[in-house]
Amino acid sequence: MKIMTQFLAHRGTPGNYSLTEMAAGAIGDDVLVAITPEEVKEFLCDKAYGHRDPGPHDFPTGCRANTLVVYKKAISWFLPRQAHP
């Protein structure tokens, strides 16, 4: 839940959600549905590289690949399931 609060703050979502509020489902579906894959990518790049748009000569110094997998799974857990054709 801490990762999701960091993501929402990074995204600029208004509101300051506590961990207990998030566990109770205080984040509205309208906020979660509006999250795009590009925003998740920018967040993960910021964690790994220190900025949102790394170039081909940048090296990840913020975290390792497995840490990014945990971040992605933590964010995906909150996203509403969408039907795929």
C-alpha atoms as a PDB file:
ATOM      1  CA  MET A   1       0.000   0.000   0.000  1.00  0.00           C
ATOM      2  CA  LYS A   2       2.922   2.291   0.627  1.00  0.00           C
ATOM      3  CA  ILE A   3       4.011   1.848  -2.972  1.00  0.00           C
ATOM      4  CA  MET A   4       0.571   2.854  -4.224  1.00  0.00           C
ATOM      5  CA  THR A   5       0.616   6.010  -2.081  1.00  0.00           C
ATOM      6  CA  GLN A   6       4.023   6.864  -3.573  1.00  0.00           C
ATOM      7  CA  PHE A   7       2.653   6.268  -7.067  1.00  0.00           C
ATOM      8  CA  LEU A   8      -0.406   8.446  -6.472  1.00  0.00           C
ATOM      9  CA  ALA A   9       1.792  11.240  -5.086  1.00  0.00           C
ATOM     10  CA  HIS A  10       4.148  10.926  -8.069  1.00  0.00           C
ATOM     11  CA  ARG A  11       1.161  11.018 -10.418  1.00  0.00           C
ATOM     12  CA  GLY A  12      -0.171  14.148  -8.748  1.00  0.00           C
ATOM     13  CA  THR A  13      -3.469  12.627  -7.632  1.00  0.00           C
ATOM     14  CA  PRO A  14      -5.163  14.996  -5.181  1.00  0.00           C
ATOM     15  CA  GLY A  15      -5.713  13.662  -1.698  1.00  0.00           C
ATOM     16  CA  ASN A  16      -3.533  12.221   1.001  1.00  0.00           C
ATOM     17  CA  TYR A  17      -4.536   8.589   1.435  1.00  0.00           C
ATOM     18  CA  SER A  18      -3.477   6.809   4.597  1.00  0.00           C
ATOM     19  CA  LEU A  19      -2.747   3.111   4.577  1.00  0.00           C
ATOM     20  CA  THR A  20      -5.943   2.318   6.491  1.00  0.00           C
ATOM     21  CA  GLU A  21      -8.023   4.336   4.027  1.00  0.00           C
ATOM     22  CA  MET A  22      -6.453   2.503   1.135  1.00  0.00           C
ATOM     23  CA  ALA A  23      -7.123  -0.856   2.767  1.00  0.00           C
ATOM     24  CA  ALA A  24     -10.772   0.177   3.175  1.00  0.00           C
ATOM     25  CA  GLY A  25     -11.003   1.081  -0.523  1.00  0.00           C
ATOM     26  CA  ALA A  26     -11.009   4.862  -0.163  1.00  0.00           C
ATOM     27  CA  ILE A  27      -9.498   5.383  -3.609  1.00  0.00           C
ATOM     28  CA  GLY A  28     -12.306   5.865  -6.074  1.00  0.00           C
ATOM     29  CA  ASP A  29     -12.608   3.700  -9.166  1.00  0.00           C
ATOM     30  CA  ASP A  30     -12.547   6.847 -11.295  1.00  0.00           C
ATOM     31  CA  VAL A  31      -8.997   7.533 -10.063  1.00  0.00           C
ATOM     32  CA  LEU A  32      -7.856   3.956 -10.651  1.00  0.00           C
ATOM     33  CA  VAL A  33      -9.410   3.612 -14.106  1.00  0.00           C
ATOM     34  CA  ALA A  34      -7.681   6.814 -15.229  1.00  0.00           C
ATOM     35  CA  ILE A  35      -4.203   5.347 -14.569  1.00  0.00           C
ATOM     36  CA  THR A  36      -2.399   4.712 -17.850  1.00  0.00           C
ATOM     37  CA  PRO A  37       0.486   2.331 -18.593  1.00  0.00           C
ATOM     38  CA  GLU A  38       2.577   5.383 -19.531  1.00  0.00           C
ATOM     39  CA  GLU A  39       2.170   6.793 -16.001  1.00  0.00           C
ATOM     40  CA  VAL A  40       3.266   3.489 -14.478  1.00  0.00           C
ATOM     41  CA  LYS A  41       6.283   3.409 -16.827  1.00  0.00           C
ATOM     42  CA  GLU A  42       7.250   6.963 -15.866  1.00  0.00           C
ATOM     43  CA  PHE A  43       6.978   6.093 -12.167  1.00  0.00           C
ATOM     44  CA  LEU A  44       9.140   2.981 -12.558  1.00  0.00           C
ATOM     45  CA  CYS A  45      11.711   4.885 -14.645  1.00  0.00           C
ATOM     46  CA  ASP A  46      11.834   7.579 -11.986  1.00  0.00           C
ATOM     47  CA  LYS A  47      12.491   4.932  -9.323  1.00  0.00           C
ATOM     48  CA  ALA A  48      15.172   3.155 -11.359  1.00  0.00           C
ATOM     49  CA  TYR A  49      16.899   6.003 -13.198  1.00  0.00           C
ATOM     50  CA  GLY A  50      16.010   9.071 -11.165  1.00  0.00           C
ATOM     51  CA  HIS A  51      14.072  10.712 -14.013  1.00  0.00           C
ATOM     52  CA  ARG A  52      11.061   9.902 -16.173  1.00  0.00           C
ATOM     53  CA  ASP A  53      12.689   9.633 -19.579  1.00  0.00           C
ATOM     54  CA  PRO A  54      15.970   7.679 -19.525  1.00  0.00           C
ATOM     55  CA  GLY A  55      18.162   7.670 -22.586  1.00  0.00           C
ATOM     56  CA  PRO A  56      20.055   4.749 -24.116  1.00  0.00           C
ATOM     57  CA  HIS A  57      23.206   5.622 -22.171  1.00  0.00           C
ATOM     58  CA  ASP A  58      21.540   5.877 -18.740  1.00  0.00           C
ATOM     59  CA  PHE A  59      22.063   3.152 -16.178  1.00  0.00           C
ATOM     60  CA  PRO A  60      19.589   2.248 -13.430  1.00  0.00           C
ATOM     61  CA  THR A  61      21.055   3.318 -10.118  1.00  0.00           C
ATOM     62  CA  GLY A  62      17.917   3.668  -7.973  1.00  0.00           C
ATOM     63  CA  CYS A  63      16.837   0.033  -7.705  1.00  0.00           C
ATOM     64  CA  ARG A  64      17.167  -3.414  -9.204  1.00  0.00           C
ATOM     65  CA  ALA A  65      14.927  -5.191 -11.694  1.00  0.00           C
ATOM     66  CA  ASN A  66      13.292  -7.383  -9.043  1.00  0.00           C
ATOM     67  CA  THR A  67      12.400  -4.297  -7.028  1.00  0.00           C
ATOM     68  CA  LEU A  68      10.650  -2.863 -10.078  1.00  0.00           C
ATOM     69  CA  VAL A  69       8.668  -6.096 -10.441  1.00  0.00           C
ATOM     70  CA  VAL A  70       7.456  -5.716  -6.860  1.00  0.00           C
ATOM     71  CA  TYR A  71       6.495  -2.084  -7.499  1.00  0.00           C
ATOM     72  CA  LYS A  72       4.571  -3.041 -10.642  1.00  0.00           C
ATOM     73  CA  LYS A  73       2.709  -5.866  -8.882  1.00  0.00           C
ATOM     74  CA  ALA A  74       1.840  -3.603  -5.957  1.00  0.00           C
ATOM     75  CA  ILE A  75       0.336  -1.007  -8.298  1.00  0.00           C
ATOM     76  CA  SER A  76      -1.460  -3.630 -10.405  1.00  0.00           C
ATOM     77  CA  TRP A  77      -3.102  -5.109  -7.308  1.00  0.00           C
ATOM     78  CA  PHE A  78      -5.158  -1.936  -6.832  1.00  0.00           C
ATOM     79  CA  LEU A  79      -6.215  -1.520 -10.445  1.00  0.00           C
ATOM     80  CA  PRO A  80      -9.731  -2.692 -11.281  1.00  0.00           C
ATOM     81  CA  ARG A  81      -9.910  -5.712 -13.496  1.00  0.00           C
ATOM     82  CA  GLN A  82     -10.812  -4.866 -17.049  1.00  0.00           C
ATOM     83  CA  ALA A  83     -12.319  -7.219 -19.592  1.00  0.00           C
ATOM     84  CA  HIS A  84      -9.970  -7.881 -22.458  1.00  0.00           C
ATOM     85  CA  PRO A  85     -11.427  -8.829 -25.857  1.00  0.00           C
END
